[in-house]
C-alpha atoms as a PDB file:
ATOM      1  CA  MET A   1     105.462  84.008  67.275  1.00  0.00           C
ATOM      2  CA  GLY A   2     103.991  87.006  67.890  1.00  0.00           C
ATOM      3  CA  PHE A   3     101.379  88.856  69.437  1.00  0.00           C
ATOM      4  CA  GLY A   4     100.170  91.546  66.963  1.00  0.00           C
ATOM      5  CA  PRO A   5     102.950  93.828  66.774  1.00  0.00           C
ATOM      6  CA  ILE A   6     104.444  92.503  69.511  1.00  0.00           C
ATOM      7  CA  GLY A   7     107.422  89.918  69.706  1.00  0.00           C
ATOM      8  CA  LEU A   8     108.278  86.835  71.615  1.00  0.00           C
ATOM      9  CA  PRO A   9     111.655  89.388  72.834  1.00  0.00           C
ATOM     10  CA  GLN A  10     108.994  91.984  73.776  1.00  0.00           C
ATOM     11  CA  VAL A  11     106.858  90.081  75.789  1.00  0.00           C
ATOM     12  CA  LEU A  12     109.143  88.539  77.985  1.00  0.00           C
ATOM     13  CA  ILE A  13     110.982  92.219  78.353  1.00  0.00           C
ATOM     14  CA  ILE A  14     108.118  93.019  80.245  1.00  0.00           C
ATOM     15  CA  LEU A  15     107.252  90.238  82.114  1.00  0.00           C
ATOM     16  CA  LEU A  16     110.235  90.631  83.569  1.00  0.00           C
ATOM     17  CA  ILE A  17     109.417  94.449  84.093  1.00  0.00           C
ATOM     18  CA  VAL A  18     106.789  92.818  86.013  1.00  0.00           C
ATOM     19  CA  LEU A  19     108.611  90.490  87.790  1.00  0.00           C
ATOM     20  CA  LEU A  20     111.222  93.401  89.576  1.00  0.00           C
ATOM     21  CA  ILE A  21     108.449  95.366  90.059  1.00  0.00           C
ATOM     22  CA  PHE A  22     106.056  93.034  92.435  1.00  0.00           C
ATOM     23  CA  GLY A  23     108.335  90.492  92.905  1.00  0.00           C
ATOM     24  CA  ALA A  24     107.482  86.998  93.243  1.00  0.00           C
ATOM     25  CA  LYS A  25     105.481  86.457  95.974  1.00  0.00           C
ATOM     26  CA  ARG A  26     103.124  88.849  94.679  1.00  0.00           C
ATOM     27  CA  LEU A  27     102.332  87.123  91.306  1.00  0.00           C
ATOM     28  CA  PRO A  28     100.138  84.643  91.638  1.00  0.00           C
ATOM     29  CA  GLU A  29      97.860  87.177  94.228  1.00  0.00           C
ATOM     30  CA  ILE A  30      97.868  89.453  91.629  1.00  0.00           C
ATOM     31  CA  GLY A  31      96.890  86.774  88.828  1.00  0.00           C
ATOM     32  CA  SER A  32      94.406  85.591  90.982  1.00  0.00           C
ATOM     33  CA  SER A  33      92.525  88.958  91.838  1.00  0.00           C
ATOM     34  CA  LEU A  34      92.929  89.263  87.951  1.00  0.00           C
ATOM     35  CA  GLY A  35      91.088  85.688  87.542  1.00  0.00           C
ATOM     36  CA  LYS A  36      88.691  86.984  89.896  1.00  0.00           C
ATOM     37  CA  GLY A  37      88.071  89.939  88.622  1.00  0.00           C
ATOM     38  CA  ILE A  38      87.635  88.695  84.801  1.00  0.00           C
ATOM     39  CA  ARG A  39      85.284  85.706  85.958  1.00  0.00           C
ATOM     40  CA  SER A  40      83.119  88.653  87.460  1.00  0.00           C
ATOM     41  CA  PHE A  41      82.572  90.339  84.490  1.00  0.00           C
ATOM     42  CA  LYS A  42      82.064  87.488  82.451  1.00  0.00           C
ATOM     43  CA  SER A  43      79.123  86.793  85.021  1.00  0.00           C
ATOM     44  CA  SER A  44      77.958  90.551  84.948  1.00  0.00           C
ATOM     45  CA  VAL A  45      78.045  90.782  81.323  1.00  0.00           C
ATOM     46  CA  THR A  46      76.263  86.828  80.556  1.00  0.00           C
ATOM     47  CA  GLY A  47      73.728  87.235  83.275  1.00  0.00           C
ATOM     48  CA  GLU A  48      74.560  84.113  84.934  1.00  0.00           C
ATOM     49  CA  GLU A  49      75.363  83.584  88.784  1.00  0.00           C
ATOM     50  CA  GLU A  50      77.476  81.359  89.724  1.00  0.00           C
ATOM     51  CA  SER A  51      76.872  78.904  92.158  1.00  0.00           C
ATOM     52  CA  LYS A  52      79.565  77.266  94.090  1.00  0.00           C
ATOM     53  CA  PRO A  53      79.148  73.907  94.939  1.00  0.00           C
ATOM     54  CA  THR A  54      78.264  73.112  99.121  1.00  0.00           C
ATOM     55  CA  THR A  55      79.955  69.995 100.232  1.00  0.00           C
ATOM     56  CA  VAL A  56      79.510  68.726 104.341  1.00  0.00           C
ATOM     57  CA  ASN A  57      82.437  66.350 105.395  1.00  0.00           C
ATOM     58  CA  SER A  58      81.010  64.496 108.162  1.00  0.00           C
ATOM     59  CA  GLU A  59      84.554  62.492 108.352  1.00  0.00           C
ATOM     60  CA  THR A  60      86.012  65.824 109.516  1.00  0.00           C
ATOM     61  CA  SER A  61      83.643  66.601 112.361  1.00  0.00           C
ATOM     62  CA  ASP A  62      83.598  63.108 113.267  1.00  0.00           C
ATOM     63  CA  SER A  63      87.648  63.051 113.337  1.00  0.00           C
ATOM     64  CA  VAL A  64      87.266  66.394 115.517  1.00  0.00           C
ATOM     65  CA  GLU A  65      84.930  64.912 118.099  1.00  0.00           C
ATOM     66  CA  ASP A  66      87.514  61.492 118.440  1.00  0.00           C
ATOM     67  CA  LYS A  67      90.477  63.740 119.234  1.00  0.00           C
ATOM     68  CA  LYS A  68      87.992  65.482 122.118  1.00  0.00           C
END
């Protein structure tokens, strides 16, 4: 299994170095921001607007009123 001229041992070494530099707590944060950036770039290139569905949860408002 190879990623072009880079083999599996080299990829593992790179991932280990990234883990040592940024730490385990920041890796999910970095991955999330990278994903958001890629999605934003993709939507700007294709010209599509991303619409987020909005849901209203009536049970939440009812349970808040019951606790008062």
